[in-house]
Amino acid sequence: GIKDSMIANLESLKEQGAQIIIASF
């Protein structure tokens, strides 16, 4: 159930210009 908010956070990082994204779970 956390998937959608996780994807939204990924999109936010891309919008902020992140060139490398590291996701911790």
mmCIF file of all heavy atoms, coordinates in Angstrom:
data_MODEL
# 
_entry.id   MODEL 
# 
loop_
_atom_site.group_PDB 
_atom_site.id 
_atom_site.type_symbol 
_atom_site.label_atom_id 
_atom_site.label_alt_id 
_atom_site.label_comp_id 
_atom_site.label_asym_id 
_atom_site.label_entity_id 
_atom_site.label_seq_id 
_atom_site.pdbx_PDB_ins_code 
_atom_site.Cartn_x 
_atom_site.Cartn_y 
_atom_site.Cartn_z 
_atom_site.occupancy 
_atom_site.B_iso_or_equiv 
_atom_site.pdbx_formal_charge 
_atom_site.auth_seq_id 
_atom_site.auth_comp_id 
_atom_site.auth_asym_id 
_atom_site.auth_atom_id 
_atom_site.pdbx_PDB_model_num 
ATOM 1   N N   . GLY A 1 1  ? 0.800  -1.224 0.000   1.00 0.00 ? 1  GLY A N   1 
ATOM 2   C CA  . GLY A 1 1  ? 0.000  0.000  0.000   1.00 0.00 ? 1  GLY A CA  1 
ATOM 3   C C   . GLY A 1 1  ? 0.832  1.272  0.000   1.00 0.00 ? 1  GLY A C   1 
ATOM 4   O O   . GLY A 1 1  ? 0.315  2.366  -0.217  1.00 0.00 ? 1  GLY A O   1 
ATOM 5   N N   . ILE A 1 2  ? 2.131  1.112  0.224   1.00 0.00 ? 2  ILE A N   1 
ATOM 6   C CA  . ILE A 1 2  ? 3.018  2.284  0.246   1.00 0.00 ? 2  ILE A CA  1 
ATOM 7   C C   . ILE A 1 2  ? 3.552  2.610  -1.144  1.00 0.00 ? 2  ILE A C   1 
ATOM 8   O O   . ILE A 1 2  ? 4.217  3.642  -1.336  1.00 0.00 ? 2  ILE A O   1 
ATOM 9   C CB  . ILE A 1 2  ? 4.200  2.013  1.221   1.00 0.00 ? 2  ILE A CB  1 
ATOM 10  C CG1 . ILE A 1 2  ? 4.829  3.338  1.694   1.00 0.00 ? 2  ILE A CG1 1 
ATOM 11  C CG2 . ILE A 1 2  ? 5.260  1.131  0.577   1.00 0.00 ? 2  ILE A CG2 1 
ATOM 12  C CD1 . ILE A 1 2  ? 3.993  4.116  2.637   1.00 0.00 ? 2  ILE A CD1 1 
ATOM 13  N N   . LYS A 1 3  ? 3.253  1.750  -2.118  1.00 0.00 ? 3  LYS A N   1 
ATOM 14  C CA  . LYS A 1 3  ? 3.866  1.894  -3.449  1.00 0.00 ? 3  LYS A CA  1 
ATOM 15  C C   . LYS A 1 3  ? 3.584  3.250  -4.089  1.00 0.00 ? 3  LYS A C   1 
ATOM 16  O O   . LYS A 1 3  ? 4.494  3.910  -4.606  1.00 0.00 ? 3  LYS A O   1 
ATOM 17  C CB  . LYS A 1 3  ? 3.395  0.786  -4.388  1.00 0.00 ? 3  LYS A CB  1 
ATOM 18  C CG  . LYS A 1 3  ? 4.065  0.863  -5.769  1.00 0.00 ? 3  LYS A CG  1 
ATOM 19  C CD  . LYS A 1 3  ? 3.397  -0.053 -6.789  1.00 0.00 ? 3  LYS A CD  1 
ATOM 20  C CE  . LYS A 1 3  ? 3.662  -1.499 -6.492  1.00 0.00 ? 3  LYS A CE  1 
ATOM 21  N NZ  . LYS A 1 3  ? 3.144  -2.389 -7.590  1.00 0.00 ? 3  LYS A NZ  1 
ATOM 22  N N   . ASP A 1 4  ? 2.359  3.695  -4.073  1.00 0.00 ? 4  ASP A N   1 
ATOM 23  C CA  . ASP A 1 4  ? 2.005  4.943  -4.765  1.00 0.00 ? 4  ASP A CA  1 
ATOM 24  C C   . ASP A 1 4  ? 2.744  6.144  -4.187  1.00 0.00 ? 4  ASP A C   1 
ATOM 25  O O   . ASP A 1 4  ? 3.242  7.001  -4.931  1.00 0.00 ? 4  ASP A O   1 
ATOM 26  C CB  . ASP A 1 4  ? 0.496  5.183  -4.708  1.00 0.00 ? 4  ASP A CB  1 
ATOM 27  C CG  . ASP A 1 4  ? -0.283 4.212  -5.590  1.00 0.00 ? 4  ASP A CG  1 
ATOM 28  O OD1 . ASP A 1 4  ? 0.348  3.588  -6.468  1.00 0.00 ? 4  ASP A OD1 1 
ATOM 29  O OD2 . ASP A 1 4  ? -1.504 4.090  -5.380  1.00 0.00 ? 4  ASP A OD2 1 
ATOM 30  N N   . SER A 1 5  ? 2.820  6.218  -2.855  1.00 0.00 ? 5  SER A N   1 
ATOM 31  C CA  . SER A 1 5  ? 3.521  7.357  -2.246  1.00 0.00 ? 5  SER A CA  1 
ATOM 32  C C   . SER A 1 5  ? 5.026  7.269  -2.518  1.00 0.00 ? 5  SER A C   1 
ATOM 33  O O   . SER A 1 5  ? 5.700  8.298  -2.690  1.00 0.00 ? 5  SER A O   1 
ATOM 34  C CB  . SER A 1 5  ? 3.244  7.419  -0.745  1.00 0.00 ? 5  SER A CB  1 
ATOM 35  O OG  . SER A 1 5  ? 3.748  6.287  -0.075  1.00 0.00 ? 5  SER A OG  1 
ATOM 36  N N   . MET A 1 6  ? 5.545  6.048  -2.588  1.00 0.00 ? 6  MET A N   1 
ATOM 37  C CA  . MET A 1 6  ? 6.956  5.868  -2.908  1.00 0.00 ? 6  MET A CA  1 
ATOM 38  C C   . MET A 1 6  ? 7.251  6.369  -4.322  1.00 0.00 ? 6  MET A C   1 
ATOM 39  O O   . MET A 1 6  ? 8.231  7.090  -4.558  1.00 0.00 ? 6  MET A O   1 
ATOM 40  C CB  . MET A 1 6  ? 7.335  4.392  -2.777  1.00 0.00 ? 6  MET A CB  1 
ATOM 41  C CG  . MET A 1 6  ? 8.786  4.068  -3.104  1.00 0.00 ? 6  MET A CG  1 
ATOM 42  S SD  . MET A 1 6  ? 9.022  3.600  -4.861  1.00 0.00 ? 6  MET A SD  1 
ATOM 43  C CE  . MET A 1 6  ? 8.160  2.044  -4.947  1.00 0.00 ? 6  MET A CE  1 
ATOM 44  N N   . ILE A 1 7  ? 6.380  6.017  -5.271  1.00 0.00 ? 7  ILE A N   1 
ATOM 45  C CA  . ILE A 1 7  ? 6.555  6.476  -6.656  1.00 0.00 ? 7  ILE A CA  1 
ATOM 46  C C   . ILE A 1 7  ? 6.425  7.996  -6.747  1.00 0.00 ? 7  ILE A C   1 
ATOM 47  O O   . ILE A 1 7  ? 7.166  8.664  -7.482  1.00 0.00 ? 7  ILE A O   1 
ATOM 48  C CB  . ILE A 1 7  ? 5.542  5.772  -7.579  1.00 0.00 ? 7  ILE A CB  1 
ATOM 49  C CG1 . ILE A 1 7  ? 5.863  4.267  -7.661  1.00 0.00 ? 7  ILE A CG1 1 
ATOM 50  C CG2 . ILE A 1 7  ? 5.543  6.394  -8.977  1.00 0.00 ? 7  ILE A CG2 1 
ATOM 51  C CD1 . ILE A 1 7  ? 4.828  3.448  -8.416  1.00 0.00 ? 7  ILE A CD1 1 
ATOM 52  N N   . ALA A 1 8  ? 5.484  8.546  -5.974  1.00 0.00 ? 8  ALA A N   1 
ATOM 53  C CA  . ALA A 1 8  ? 5.323  10.007 -5.960  1.00 0.00 ? 8  ALA A CA  1 
ATOM 54  C C   . ALA A 1 8  ? 6.595  10.696 -5.451  1.00 0.00 ? 8  ALA A C   1 
ATOM 55  O O   . ALA A 1 8  ? 6.998  11.750 -5.966  1.00 0.00 ? 8  ALA A O   1 
ATOM 56  C CB  . ALA A 1 8  ? 4.132  10.392 -5.092  1.00 0.00 ? 8  ALA A CB  1 
ATOM 57  N N   . ASN A 1 9  ? 7.240  10.092 -4.454  1.00 0.00 ? 9  ASN A N   1 
ATOM 58  C CA  . ASN A 1 9  ? 8.493  10.653 -3.944  1.00 0.00 ? 9  ASN A CA  1 
ATOM 59  C C   . ASN A 1 9  ? 9.615  10.577 -4.979  1.00 0.00 ? 9  ASN A C   1 
ATOM 60  O O   . ASN A 1 9  ? 10.438 11.490 -5.093  1.00 0.00 ? 9  ASN A O   1 
ATOM 61  C CB  . ASN A 1 9  ? 8.910  9.940  -2.661  1.00 0.00 ? 9  ASN A CB  1 
ATOM 62  C CG  . ASN A 1 9  ? 8.082  10.358 -1.461  1.00 0.00 ? 9  ASN A CG  1 
ATOM 63  O OD1 . ASN A 1 9  ? 7.516  11.452 -1.426  1.00 0.00 ? 9  ASN A OD1 1 
ATOM 64  N ND2 . ASN A 1 9  ? 7.995  9.487  -0.458  1.00 0.00 ? 9  ASN A ND2 1 
ATOM 65  N N   . LEU A 1 10 ? 9.638  9.489  -5.728  1.00 0.00 ? 10 LEU A N   1 
ATOM 66  C CA  . LEU A 1 10 ? 10.617 9.375  -6.807  1.00 0.00 ? 10 LEU A CA  1 
ATOM 67  C C   . LEU A 1 10 ? 10.405 10.476 -7.844  1.00 0.00 ? 10 LEU A C   1 
ATOM 68  O O   . LEU A 1 10 ? 11.369 11.098 -8.319  1.00 0.00 ? 10 LEU A O   1 
ATOM 69  C CB  . LEU A 1 10 ? 10.518 7.997  -7.475  1.00 0.00 ? 10 LEU A CB  1 
ATOM 70  C CG  . LEU A 1 10 ? 11.071 6.810  -6.679  1.00 0.00 ? 10 LEU A CG  1 
ATOM 71  C CD1 . LEU A 1 10 ? 10.651 5.497  -7.343  1.00 0.00 ? 10 LEU A CD1 1 
ATOM 72  C CD2 . LEU A 1 10 ? 12.593 6.884  -6.596  1.00 0.00 ? 10 LEU A CD2 1 
ATOM 73  N N   . GLU A 1 11 ? 9.169  10.729 -8.184  1.00 0.00 ? 11 GLU A N   1 
ATOM 74  C CA  . GLU A 1 11 ? 8.858  11.783 -9.157  1.00 0.00 ? 11 GLU A CA  1 
ATOM 75  C C   . GLU A 1 11 ? 9.282  13.145 -8.627  1.00 0.00 ? 11 GLU A C   1 
ATOM 76  O O   . GLU A 1 11 ? 9.788  13.984 -9.373  1.00 0.00 ? 11 GLU A O   1 
ATOM 77  C CB  . GLU A 1 11 ? 7.361  11.781 -9.484  1.00 0.00 ? 11 GLU A CB  1 
ATOM 78  C CG  . GLU A 1 11 ? 6.895  10.583 -10.291 1.00 0.00 ? 11 GLU A CG  1 
ATOM 79  C CD  . GLU A 1 11 ? 7.577  10.494 -11.652 1.00 0.00 ? 11 GLU A CD  1 
ATOM 80  O OE1 . GLU A 1 11 ? 7.800  11.558 -12.282 1.00 0.00 ? 11 GLU A OE1 1 
ATOM 81  O OE2 . GLU A 1 11 ? 7.910  9.365  -12.075 1.00 0.00 ? 11 GLU A OE2 1 
ATOM 82  N N   . SER A 1 12 ? 9.073  13.359 -7.339  1.00 0.00 ? 12 SER A N   1 
ATOM 83  C CA  . SER A 1 12 ? 9.465  14.631 -6.735  1.00 0.00 ? 12 SER A CA  1 
ATOM 84  C C   . SER A 1 12 ? 10.972 14.833 -6.816  1.00 0.00 ? 12 SER A C   1 
ATOM 85  O O   . SER A 1 12 ? 11.443 15.947 -7.118  1.00 0.00 ? 12 SER A O   1 
ATOM 86  C CB  . SER A 1 12 ? 9.004  14.687 -5.274  1.00 0.00 ? 12 SER A CB  1 
ATOM 87  O OG  . SER A 1 12 ? 9.400  15.891 -4.663  1.00 0.00 ? 12 SER A OG  1 
ATOM 88  N N   . LEU A 1 13 ? 11.731 13.785 -6.573  1.00 0.00 ? 13 LEU A N   1 
ATOM 89  C CA  . LEU A 1 13 ? 13.190 13.898 -6.661  1.00 0.00 ? 13 LEU A CA  1 
ATOM 90  C C   . LEU A 1 13 ? 13.633 14.208 -8.092  1.00 0.00 ? 13 LEU A C   1 
ATOM 91  O O   . LEU A 1 13 ? 14.545 15.017 -8.310  1.00 0.00 ? 13 LEU A O   1 
ATOM 92  C CB  . LEU A 1 13 ? 13.854 12.607 -6.175  1.00 0.00 ? 13 LEU A CB  1 
ATOM 93  C CG  . LEU A 1 13 ? 13.820 12.363 -4.660  1.00 0.00 ? 13 LEU A CG  1 
ATOM 94  C CD1 . LEU A 1 13 ? 14.381 10.982 -4.330  1.00 0.00 ? 13 LEU A CD1 1 
ATOM 95  C CD2 . LEU A 1 13 ? 14.606 13.437 -3.916  1.00 0.00 ? 13 LEU A CD2 1 
ATOM 96  N N   . LYS A 1 14 ? 12.984 13.577 -9.054  1.00 0.00 ? 14 LYS A N   1 
ATOM 97  C CA  . LYS A 1 14 ? 13.328 13.865 -10.453 1.00 0.00 ? 14 LYS A CA  1 
ATOM 98  C C   . LYS A 1 14 ? 13.009 15.308 -10.798 1.00 0.00 ? 14 LYS A C   1 
ATOM 99  O O   . LYS A 1 14 ? 13.773 15.976 -11.512 1.00 0.00 ? 14 LYS A O   1 
ATOM 100 C CB  . LYS A 1 14 ? 12.595 12.899 -11.383 1.00 0.00 ? 14 LYS A CB  1 
ATOM 101 C CG  . LYS A 1 14 ? 13.158 11.477 -11.335 1.00 0.00 ? 14 LYS A CG  1 
ATOM 102 C CD  . LYS A 1 14 ? 12.553 10.563 -12.385 1.00 0.00 ? 14 LYS A CD  1 
ATOM 103 C CE  . LYS A 1 14 ? 11.167 10.106 -12.004 1.00 0.00 ? 14 LYS A CE  1 
ATOM 104 N NZ  . LYS A 1 14 ? 10.627 9.098  -12.962 1.00 0.00 ? 14 LYS A NZ  1 
ATOM 105 N N   . GLU A 1 15 ? 11.884 15.804 -10.290 1.00 0.00 ? 15 GLU A N   1 
ATOM 106 C CA  . GLU A 1 15 ? 11.516 17.201 -10.544 1.00 0.00 ? 15 GLU A CA  1 
ATOM 107 C C   . GLU A 1 15 ? 12.514 18.171 -9.913  1.00 0.00 ? 15 GLU A C   1 
ATOM 108 O O   . GLU A 1 15 ? 12.715 19.283 -10.412 1.00 0.00 ? 15 GLU A O   1 
ATOM 109 C CB  . GLU A 1 15 ? 10.111 17.479 -10.001 1.00 0.00 ? 15 GLU A CB  1 
ATOM 110 C CG  . GLU A 1 15 ? 8.999  16.796 -10.791 1.00 0.00 ? 15 GLU A CG  1 
ATOM 111 C CD  . GLU A 1 15 ? 7.646  16.913 -10.113 1.00 0.00 ? 15 GLU A CD  1 
ATOM 112 O OE1 . GLU A 1 15 ? 7.581  17.551 -9.030  1.00 0.00 ? 15 GLU A OE1 1 
ATOM 113 O OE2 . GLU A 1 15 ? 6.657  16.367 -10.645 1.00 0.00 ? 15 GLU A OE2 1 
ATOM 114 N N   . GLN A 1 16 ? 13.146 17.725 -8.830  1.00 0.00 ? 16 GLN A N   1 
ATOM 115 C CA  . GLN A 1 16 ? 14.153 18.565 -8.170  1.00 0.00 ? 16 GLN A CA  1 
ATOM 116 C C   . GLN A 1 16 ? 15.524 18.463 -8.842  1.00 0.00 ? 16 GLN A C   1 
ATOM 117 O O   . GLN A 1 16 ? 16.493 19.069 -8.387  1.00 0.00 ? 16 GLN A O   1 
ATOM 118 C CB  . GLN A 1 16 ? 14.270 18.177 -6.697  1.00 0.00 ? 16 GLN A CB  1 
ATOM 119 C CG  . GLN A 1 16 ? 13.027 18.477 -5.871  1.00 0.00 ? 16 GLN A CG  1 
ATOM 120 C CD  . GLN A 1 16 ? 13.171 18.043 -4.419  1.00 0.00 ? 16 GLN A CD  1 
ATOM 121 O OE1 . GLN A 1 16 ? 14.109 18.450 -3.724  1.00 0.00 ? 16 GLN A OE1 1 
ATOM 122 N NE2 . GLN A 1 16 ? 12.246 17.219 -3.953  1.00 0.00 ? 16 GLN A NE2 1 
ATOM 123 N N   . GLY A 1 17 ? 15.591 17.695 -9.915  1.00 0.00 ? 17 GLY A N   1 
ATOM 124 C CA  . GLY A 1 17 ? 16.819 17.621 -10.690 1.00 0.00 ? 17 GLY A CA  1 
ATOM 125 C C   . GLY A 1 17 ? 17.793 16.546 -10.276 1.00 0.00 ? 17 GLY A C   1 
ATOM 126 O O   . GLY A 1 17 ? 18.957 16.568 -10.704 1.00 0.00 ? 17 GLY A O   1 
ATOM 127 N N   . ALA A 1 18 ? 17.347 15.582 -9.455  1.00 0.00 ? 18 ALA A N   1 
ATOM 128 C CA  . ALA A 1 18 ? 18.252 14.520 -9.023  1.00 0.00 ? 18 ALA A CA  1 
ATOM 129 C C   . ALA A 1 18 ? 18.742 13.715 -10.231 1.00 0.00 ? 18 ALA A C   1 
ATOM 130 O O   . ALA A 1 18 ? 17.955 13.254 -11.046 1.00 0.00 ? 18 ALA A O   1 
ATOM 131 C CB  . ALA A 1 18 ? 17.549 13.597 -8.027  1.00 0.00 ? 18 ALA A CB  1 
ATOM 132 N N   . GLN A 1 19 ? 20.059 13.562 -10.322 1.00 0.00 ? 19 GLN A N   1 
ATOM 133 C CA  . GLN A 1 19 ? 20.666 12.811 -11.420 1.00 0.00 ? 19 GLN A CA  1 
ATOM 134 C C   . GLN A 1 19 ? 20.938 11.359 -11.034 1.00 0.00 ? 19 GLN A C   1 
ATOM 135 O O   . GLN A 1 19 ? 21.073 10.495 -11.890 1.00 0.00 ? 19 GLN A O   1 
ATOM 136 C CB  . GLN A 1 19 ? 21.965 13.501 -11.849 1.00 0.00 ? 19 GLN A CB  1 
ATOM 137 C CG  . GLN A 1 19 ? 21.761 14.908 -12.404 1.00 0.00 ? 19 GLN A CG  1 
ATOM 138 C CD  . GLN A 1 19 ? 23.029 15.721 -12.430 1.00 0.00 ? 19 GLN A CD  1 
ATOM 139 O OE1 . GLN A 1 19 ? 23.372 16.361 -11.441 1.00 0.00 ? 19 GLN A OE1 1 
ATOM 140 N NE2 . GLN A 1 19 ? 23.727 15.716 -13.549 1.00 0.00 ? 19 GLN A NE2 1 
ATOM 141 N N   . ILE A 1 20 ? 21.072 11.123 -9.736  1.00 0.00 ? 20 ILE A N   1 
ATOM 142 C CA  . ILE A 1 20 ? 21.211 9.774  -9.187  1.00 0.00 ? 20 ILE A CA  1 
ATOM 143 C C   . ILE A 1 20 ? 20.201 9.673  -8.051  1.00 0.00 ? 20 ILE A C   1 
ATOM 144 O O   . ILE A 1 20 ? 20.136 10.559 -7.204  1.00 0.00 ? 20 ILE A O   1 
ATOM 145 C CB  . ILE A 1 20 ? 22.631 9.523  -8.645  1.00 0.00 ? 20 ILE A CB  1 
ATOM 146 C CG1 . ILE A 1 20 ? 23.672 9.662  -9.764  1.00 0.00 ? 20 ILE A CG1 1 
ATOM 147 C CG2 . ILE A 1 20 ? 22.729 8.138  -8.003  1.00 0.00 ? 20 ILE A CG2 1 
ATOM 148 C CD1 . ILE A 1 20 ? 25.115 9.641  -9.255  1.00 0.00 ? 20 ILE A CD1 1 
ATOM 149 N N   . ILE A 1 21 ? 19.418 8.596  -8.037  1.00 0.00 ? 21 ILE A N   1 
ATOM 150 C CA  . ILE A 1 21 ? 18.419 8.424  -6.973  1.00 0.00 ? 21 ILE A CA  1 
ATOM 151 C C   . ILE A 1 21 ? 18.674 7.103  -6.259  1.00 0.00 ? 21 ILE A C   1 
ATOM 152 O O   . ILE A 1 21 ? 18.761 6.045  -6.888  1.00 0.00 ? 21 ILE A O   1 
ATOM 153 C CB  . ILE A 1 21 ? 16.985 8.450  -7.543  1.00 0.00 ? 21 ILE A CB  1 
ATOM 154 C CG1 . ILE A 1 21 ? 16.686 9.819  -8.172  1.00 0.00 ? 21 ILE A CG1 1 
ATOM 155 C CG2 . ILE A 1 21 ? 15.974 8.143  -6.439  1.00 0.00 ? 21 ILE A CG2 1 
ATOM 156 C CD1 . ILE A 1 21 ? 15.315 9.924  -8.803  1.00 0.00 ? 21 ILE A CD1 1 
ATOM 157 N N   . ILE A 1 22 ? 18.797 7.215  -4.927  1.00 0.00 ? 22 ILE A N   1 
ATOM 158 C CA  . ILE A 1 22 ? 19.020 6.034  -4.089  1.00 0.00 ? 22 ILE A CA  1 
ATOM 159 C C   . ILE A 1 22 ? 17.821 5.871  -3.160  1.00 0.00 ? 22 ILE A C   1 
ATOM 160 O O   . ILE A 1 22 ? 17.493 6.780  -2.394  1.00 0.00 ? 22 ILE A O   1 
ATOM 161 C CB  . ILE A 1 22 ? 20.319 6.184  -3.282  1.00 0.00 ? 22 ILE A CB  1 
ATOM 162 C CG1 . ILE A 1 22 ? 21.508 6.363  -4.241  1.00 0.00 ? 22 ILE A CG1 1 
ATOM 163 C CG2 . ILE A 1 22 ? 20.538 4.978  -2.373  1.00 0.00 ? 22 ILE A CG2 1 
ATOM 164 C CD1 . ILE A 1 22 ? 22.810 6.721  -3.555  1.00 0.00 ? 22 ILE A CD1 1 
ATOM 165 N N   . ALA A 1 23 ? 17.184 4.719  -3.250  1.00 0.00 ? 23 ALA A N   1 
ATOM 166 C CA  . ALA A 1 23 ? 15.957 4.451  -2.483  1.00 0.00 ? 23 ALA A CA  1 
ATOM 167 C C   . ALA A 1 23 ? 16.231 3.434  -1.388  1.00 0.00 ? 23 ALA A C   1 
ATOM 168 O O   . ALA A 1 23 ? 16.690 2.318  -1.664  1.00 0.00 ? 23 ALA A O   1 
ATOM 169 C CB  . ALA A 1 23 ? 14.860 3.950  -3.416  1.00 0.00 ? 23 ALA A CB  1 
ATOM 170 N N   . SER A 1 24 ? 15.964 3.840  -0.145  1.00 0.00 ? 24 SER A N   1 
ATOM 171 C CA  . SER A 1 24 ? 16.113 2.933  0.997   1.00 0.00 ? 24 SER A CA  1 
ATOM 172 C C   . SER A 1 24 ? 14.744 2.433  1.440   1.00 0.00 ? 24 SER A C   1 
ATOM 173 O O   . SER A 1 24 ? 13.773 3.200  1.449   1.00 0.00 ? 24 SER A O   1 
ATOM 174 C CB  . SER A 1 24 ? 16.798 3.653  2.165   1.00 0.00 ? 24 SER A CB  1 
ATOM 175 O OG  . SER A 1 24 ? 18.140 3.961  1.855   1.00 0.00 ? 24 SER A OG  1 
ATOM 176 N N   . PHE A 1 25 ? 14.686 1.142  1.813   1.00 0.00 ? 25 PHE A N   1 
ATOM 177 C CA  . PHE A 1 25 ? 13.426 0.530  2.266   1.00 0.00 ? 25 PHE A CA  1 
ATOM 178 C C   . PHE A 1 25 ? 13.654 -0.197 3.583   1.00 0.00 ? 25 PHE A C   1 
ATOM 179 O O   . PHE A 1 25 ? 14.641 -0.910 3.755   1.00 0.00 ? 25 PHE A O   1 
ATOM 180 C CB  . PHE A 1 25 ? 12.920 -0.480 1.233   1.00 0.00 ? 25 PHE A CB  1 
ATOM 181 C CG  . PHE A 1 25 ? 12.407 0.130  -0.032  1.00 0.00 ? 25 PHE A CG  1 
ATOM 182 C CD1 . PHE A 1 25 ? 13.266 0.387  -1.094  1.00 0.00 ? 25 PHE A CD1 1 
ATOM 183 C CD2 . PHE A 1 25 ? 11.054 0.438  -0.188  1.00 0.00 ? 25 PHE A CD2 1 
ATOM 184 C CE1 . PHE A 1 25 ? 12.803 0.943  -2.273  1.00 0.00 ? 25 PHE A CE1 1 
ATOM 185 C CE2 . PHE A 1 25 ? 10.574 0.991  -1.373  1.00 0.00 ? 25 PHE A CE2 1 
ATOM 186 C CZ  . PHE A 1 25 ? 11.454 1.244  -2.416  1.00 0.00 ? 25 PHE A CZ  1 
# 
